[in-house]
Amino acid sequence: MSANRDKGLSRETEARAYLERRGLRCLAQNFHCRLGEIDLVMRDGDAICFVEVKYRGSRAFGGAAHSLPRSKRQKLIRAAQFFLATNRKLAAVPLRFDALLIQRQADGSDEIMWIKDAFQAEAWAE
């Protein structure tokens, strides 16, 4: 496994713990299918949350908040559709797409920003 992949899994685990401390329950971590990947699938009350975790070590190039281009959102939507098709009991549950951004600060600490409903599937699906 590459060093970047190890760092990515470490950030996903950090994000999962952050969300679990806020009452969410993990249904899947690092879900892969032929259509894409979802970092975290979490249950938040009645809702299913598909969470994209982004880490940036600096604010260059816009930092973590600018790392979800349209193509990435479309892949997330397709992977979420596949996840729901393979977990039919969740198909009728409300869902949302969240982003959890981890941004390295100048002092070396990490700032975590959780954006609920970061985008809507209807706006990006083809």
C-alpha atoms as a PDB file:
ATOM      1  CA  MET A   1       0.000   0.000   0.000  1.00  0.00           C
ATOM      2  CA  SER A   2       1.342   3.440  -0.891  1.00  0.00           C
ATOM      3  CA  ALA A   3       2.196   6.082   1.668  1.00  0.00           C
ATOM      4  CA  ASN A   4      -0.534   8.356   0.257  1.00  0.00           C
ATOM      5  CA  ARG A   5      -3.115   5.565   0.560  1.00  0.00           C
ATOM      6  CA  ASP A   6      -2.046   4.948   4.173  1.00  0.00           C
ATOM      7  CA  LYS A   7      -2.455   8.671   4.926  1.00  0.00           C
ATOM      8  CA  GLY A   8      -5.871   8.661   3.268  1.00  0.00           C
ATOM      9  CA  LEU A   9      -7.076   5.723   5.354  1.00  0.00           C
ATOM     10  CA  SER A  10      -5.715   7.409   8.477  1.00  0.00           C
ATOM     11  CA  ARG A  11      -7.689  10.593   7.680  1.00  0.00           C
ATOM     12  CA  GLU A  12     -10.835   8.559   6.968  1.00  0.00           C
ATOM     13  CA  THR A  13     -10.457   6.842  10.341  1.00  0.00           C
ATOM     14  CA  GLU A  14      -9.957  10.251  12.004  1.00  0.00           C
ATOM     15  CA  ALA A  15     -13.086  11.555  10.248  1.00  0.00           C
ATOM     16  CA  ARG A  16     -15.080   8.477  11.258  1.00  0.00           C
ATOM     17  CA  ALA A  17     -14.128   8.946  14.924  1.00  0.00           C
ATOM     18  CA  TYR A  18     -15.050  12.651  14.708  1.00  0.00           C
ATOM     19  CA  LEU A  19     -18.502  11.816  13.324  1.00  0.00           C
ATOM     20  CA  GLU A  20     -19.071   8.942  15.767  1.00  0.00           C
ATOM     21  CA  ARG A  21     -18.336  11.329  18.664  1.00  0.00           C
ATOM     22  CA  ARG A  22     -21.213  13.403  17.269  1.00  0.00           C
ATOM     23  CA  GLY A  23     -23.622  10.480  17.366  1.00  0.00           C
ATOM     24  CA  LEU A  24     -23.338   9.051  13.838  1.00  0.00           C
ATOM     25  CA  ARG A  25     -22.962   5.313  13.248  1.00  0.00           C
ATOM     26  CA  CYS A  26     -20.671   3.902  10.567  1.00  0.00           C
ATOM     27  CA  LEU A  27     -22.281   1.596   8.000  1.00  0.00           C
ATOM     28  CA  ALA A  28     -19.245   1.339   5.704  1.00  0.00           C
ATOM     29  CA  GLN A  29     -15.760   2.785   5.436  1.00  0.00           C
ATOM     30  CA  ASN A  30     -13.822   2.973   2.174  1.00  0.00           C
ATOM     31  CA  PHE A  31     -16.638   1.458   0.115  1.00  0.00           C
ATOM     32  CA  HIS A  32     -15.443   0.557  -3.401  1.00  0.00           C
ATOM     33  CA  CYS A  33     -17.421  -0.467  -6.451  1.00  0.00           C
ATOM     34  CA  ARG A  34     -16.892  -0.320 -10.185  1.00  0.00           C
ATOM     35  CA  LEU A  35     -18.519   3.133 -10.279  1.00  0.00           C
ATOM     36  CA  GLY A  36     -16.348   4.792  -7.652  1.00  0.00           C
ATOM     37  CA  GLU A  37     -15.565   4.982  -3.986  1.00  0.00           C
ATOM     38  CA  ILE A  38     -17.209   6.433  -0.893  1.00  0.00           C
ATOM     39  CA  ASP A  39     -14.982   7.288   2.047  1.00  0.00           C
ATOM     40  CA  LEU A  40     -17.662   6.870   4.724  1.00  0.00           C
ATOM     41  CA  VAL A  41     -21.295   5.806   4.778  1.00  0.00           C
ATOM     42  CA  MET A  42     -22.784   6.939   8.077  1.00  0.00           C
ATOM     43  CA  ARG A  43     -26.193   6.809   9.727  1.00  0.00           C
ATOM     44  CA  ASP A  44     -27.284  10.133  11.251  1.00  0.00           C
ATOM     45  CA  GLY A  45     -30.617   9.496  12.905  1.00  0.00           C
ATOM     46  CA  ASP A  46     -32.964   8.549  10.084  1.00  0.00           C
ATOM     47  CA  ALA A  47     -30.618   9.727   7.319  1.00  0.00           C
ATOM     48  CA  ILE A  48     -27.868   7.936   5.423  1.00  0.00           C
ATOM     49  CA  CYS A  49     -24.863  10.192   4.877  1.00  0.00           C
ATOM     50  CA  PHE A  50     -22.343   9.599   2.124  1.00  0.00           C
ATOM     51  CA  VAL A  51     -19.258  11.416   3.373  1.00  0.00           C
ATOM     52  CA  GLU A  52     -16.311  12.536   1.277  1.00  0.00           C
ATOM     53  CA  VAL A  53     -13.217  13.143   3.412  1.00  0.00           C
ATOM     54  CA  LYS A  54     -10.687  15.656   2.123  1.00  0.00           C
ATOM     55  CA  TYR A  55      -7.378  16.585   3.689  1.00  0.00           C
ATOM     56  CA  ARG A  56      -5.093  19.380   2.654  1.00  0.00           C
ATOM     57  CA  GLY A  57      -1.753  20.122   4.220  1.00  0.00           C
ATOM     58  CA  SER A  58      -1.833  23.726   3.064  1.00  0.00           C
ATOM     59  CA  ARG A  59      -4.234  26.329   1.763  1.00  0.00           C
ATOM     60  CA  ALA A  60      -2.436  26.460  -1.579  1.00  0.00           C
ATOM     61  CA  PHE A  61      -4.765  25.912  -4.514  1.00  0.00           C
ATOM     62  CA  GLY A  62      -7.795  26.703  -2.350  1.00  0.00           C
ATOM     63  CA  GLY A  63      -7.280  24.133   0.396  1.00  0.00           C
ATOM     64  CA  ALA A  64      -9.663  21.293   1.198  1.00  0.00           C
ATOM     65  CA  ALA A  65     -12.852  23.194   0.395  1.00  0.00           C
ATOM     66  CA  HIS A  66     -11.934  23.384  -3.312  1.00  0.00           C
ATOM     67  CA  SER A  67     -11.266  19.678  -3.760  1.00  0.00           C
ATOM     68  CA  LEU A  68     -14.762  18.457  -4.735  1.00  0.00           C
ATOM     69  CA  PRO A  69     -15.094  19.206  -8.438  1.00  0.00           C
ATOM     70  CA  ARG A  70     -18.215  18.274 -10.390  1.00  0.00           C
ATOM     71  CA  SER A  71     -16.621  15.063 -11.752  1.00  0.00           C
ATOM     72  CA  LYS A  72     -15.888  13.850  -8.206  1.00  0.00           C
ATOM     73  CA  ARG A  73     -19.434  14.648  -7.067  1.00  0.00           C
ATOM     74  CA  GLN A  74     -20.858  12.691 -10.007  1.00  0.00           C
ATOM     75  CA  LYS A  75     -18.715   9.663  -9.106  1.00  0.00           C
ATOM     76  CA  LEU A  76     -19.895   9.886  -5.496  1.00  0.00           C
ATOM     77  CA  ILE A  77     -23.519   9.956  -6.616  1.00  0.00           C
ATOM     78  CA  ARG A  78     -23.043   6.906  -8.850  1.00  0.00           C
ATOM     79  CA  ALA A  79     -21.258   4.973  -6.097  1.00  0.00           C
ATOM     80  CA  ALA A  80     -24.045   5.928  -3.657  1.00  0.00           C
ATOM     81  CA  GLN A  81     -26.657   4.661  -6.116  1.00  0.00           C
ATOM     82  CA  PHE A  82     -24.774   1.369  -6.345  1.00  0.00           C
ATOM     83  CA  PHE A  83     -24.494   1.171  -2.529  1.00  0.00           C
ATOM     84  CA  LEU A  84     -28.248   1.702  -2.177  1.00  0.00           C
ATOM     85  CA  ALA A  85     -28.993  -0.856  -4.904  1.00  0.00           C
ATOM     86  CA  THR A  86     -27.000  -3.452  -2.974  1.00  0.00           C
ATOM     87  CA  ASN A  87     -28.542  -2.425   0.367  1.00  0.00           C
ATOM     88  CA  ARG A  88     -32.196  -2.263  -0.645  1.00  0.00           C
ATOM     89  CA  LYS A  89     -33.507  -1.862   2.904  1.00  0.00           C
ATOM     90  CA  LEU A  90     -31.854   1.593   2.933  1.00  0.00           C
ATOM     91  CA  ALA A  91     -33.279   2.716  -0.417  1.00  0.00           C
ATOM     92  CA  ALA A  92     -36.292   4.476   1.130  1.00  0.00           C
ATOM     93  CA  VAL A  93     -34.257   6.228   3.836  1.00  0.00           C
ATOM     94  CA  PRO A  94     -33.509   9.960   3.458  1.00  0.00           C
ATOM     95  CA  LEU A  95     -29.969  10.557   2.260  1.00  0.00           C
ATOM     96  CA  ARG A  96     -27.499  13.359   1.966  1.00  0.00           C
ATOM     97  CA  PHE A  97     -23.984  14.013   0.740  1.00  0.00           C
ATOM     98  CA  ASP A  98     -21.641  15.508   3.327  1.00  0.00           C
ATOM     99  CA  ALA A  99     -18.051  16.657   3.147  1.00  0.00           C
ATOM    100  CA  LEU A 100     -15.630  16.473   6.030  1.00  0.00           C
ATOM    101  CA  LEU A 101     -12.686  18.750   5.376  1.00  0.00           C
ATOM    102  CA  ILE A 102      -9.477  18.445   7.357  1.00  0.00           C
ATOM    103  CA  GLN A 103      -7.207  21.435   6.856  1.00  0.00           C
ATOM    104  CA  ARG A 104      -3.687  21.678   8.304  1.00  0.00           C
ATOM    105  CA  GLN A 105      -3.204  24.995  10.103  1.00  0.00           C
ATOM    106  CA  ALA A 106      -0.055  27.115  10.264  1.00  0.00           C
ATOM    107  CA  ASP A 107       0.537  25.972  13.863  1.00  0.00           C
ATOM    108  CA  GLY A 108       0.511  22.300  12.781  1.00  0.00           C
ATOM    109  CA  SER A 109      -2.919  21.507  14.174  1.00  0.00           C
ATOM    110  CA  ASP A 110      -5.790  20.262  12.040  1.00  0.00           C
ATOM    111  CA  GLU A 111      -9.051  22.162  11.623  1.00  0.00           C
ATOM    112  CA  ILE A 112     -12.073  19.951  10.880  1.00  0.00           C
ATOM    113  CA  MET A 113     -15.075  21.347   9.069  1.00  0.00           C
ATOM    114  CA  TRP A 114     -18.139  19.132   8.591  1.00  0.00           C
ATOM    115  CA  ILE A 115     -20.408  20.356   5.818  1.00  0.00           C
ATOM    116  CA  LYS A 116     -23.793  18.663   5.969  1.00  0.00           C
ATOM    117  CA  ASP A 117     -25.620  18.522   2.653  1.00  0.00           C
ATOM    118  CA  ALA A 118     -22.507  19.688   0.796  1.00  0.00           C
ATOM    119  CA  PHE A 119     -24.309  19.043  -2.507  1.00  0.00           C
ATOM    120  CA  GLN A 120     -27.536  17.583  -3.831  1.00  0.00           C
ATOM    121  CA  ALA A 121     -27.684  14.507  -6.028  1.00  0.00           C
ATOM    122  CA  GLU A 122     -30.440  15.999  -8.176  1.00  0.00           C
ATOM    123  CA  ALA A 123     -28.225  18.907  -9.148  1.00  0.00           C
ATOM    124  CA  TRP A 124     -25.343  16.754 -10.352  1.00  0.00           C
ATOM    125  CA  ALA A 125     -26.708  13.477 -11.625  1.00  0.00           C
ATOM    126  CA  GLU A 126     -26.620  13.037 -15.358  1.00  0.00           C
END
